[in-house]
Amino acid sequence: MRRAVGGFSPRYVRDWDTWLHAHPDERRQLFGRILRNWQATRPVRMRRLRVEATHPSPFLDDLLESAAEPIRVLAGLTVLTIAHRTPEQHYALTSLWKNLARLPTSGVASCVGITKPLLLLTDGRIGPAFDSRVRRALGVPRPSTSREWLSTLEGVGEDIVASEASRRLLSKAVPARFAHLAYGRLYDMALGRRDQRGKARTPLNSVFGREEGRTMGHQVRAKCLDCGRTFKVDHGGGFSFHLLRCDTCGKTKSMAFDALGELHARYLKGLPGPYSIATAGQDEDIGEHAPVQPISEAECYKGIEKVAGQCRCGGSYRLDAPPRCPKCRSTRVEEGEITVMYD
């Protein structure tokens, strides 16, 4: 976590420091400048303040004025407490989503163009911003509605709470110069833009316990396109287990890290940092002191599949097997919204 946040792009760090230390009278103009620097509405031009605009209303001033009351209502709400929001706060969040969707001069803003300004307006309490890097790290699709966005934020909050319960406060796990930042901003920095040094040194699996290229554990609603059966599909493992799937019938099987013994220890030995915040102490101890030889991720996964063995149907459990319909076993499965996120 320390390496991930420390590797965040310096240019974006400077923008954030400027925002936090700006006088309230300066923030209106600064808001537009920072978001243009962050390319929040690309490829469409972003609205400007009334005094500098060449486009018709609404102007940036109008959007900020409309956002003022919802932002006041959200005072004190953070990504950690968003699951316990009041009805008034829920309405404020959905109102902000609709309001900030008007940020481009034409069309409607994507989730990026909505969540980046929200991160600013809440001083980092409500985050992360859902750019492509963050979505890829979380393993979630682009939220197209406020409902989908809020559901994912609840999962982020649960992720942080679980990490802190198992290890230590997030603010204590980051470089001291960033410890004062709100959790939404810290989470955004851990998963977002980074300089070349941070990119090279910080695989996602050493940040929040997500295997590189895999997803944050979540369950989605699904429908078979061949027989019409509706069911639920689980994706991804967690802090203490891998999730495999039968390549013939689609049945899932969890493999606890403890059950893998030396295989998991050898995998940890080869990582540049702990597998996750929640297991950081144990992982670092194994990495430094375990008398085993390190192995690559590919070697580890091959070993996990061997230990998992065969399914009762005769198929093999694989880490990359596609979901199958439990009725007809078709892989032509349409996945819908996320119903549960776990780690």
Foldseek 3Di string as FASTA:
>chain_A
DQLLLVQFAVVLVVLLVCLVPDDPVPNLQSLQVVCVVVVQAPPFAFFAAPVPGPADDDGSVVLVVQLVVLLVQCVPAALLCLVVDDPSNLVSLQSQQVSQLPGGSDHGGFQSSRQVSVCSSNQNRYADRDDPQLCQLQVHDGDRHSVLVSQVSNLVSVLQVLLCVQAHHPLVVYPVVCSPGHPRVSSNSSRHHGDPVSVVQDASQQEALFDHRFHFWFKFWKAAPPPGDIDIDIGADHNFWGWWAFLFQGDIDIDGLVNLPVLSLLQLLPHSAARHSSCRVVSVCSNVDPPDHHDHPVVSQVSVQVVQAADPVGTGIHRPRAGADNPPRDSRMDTDGTDDGDD
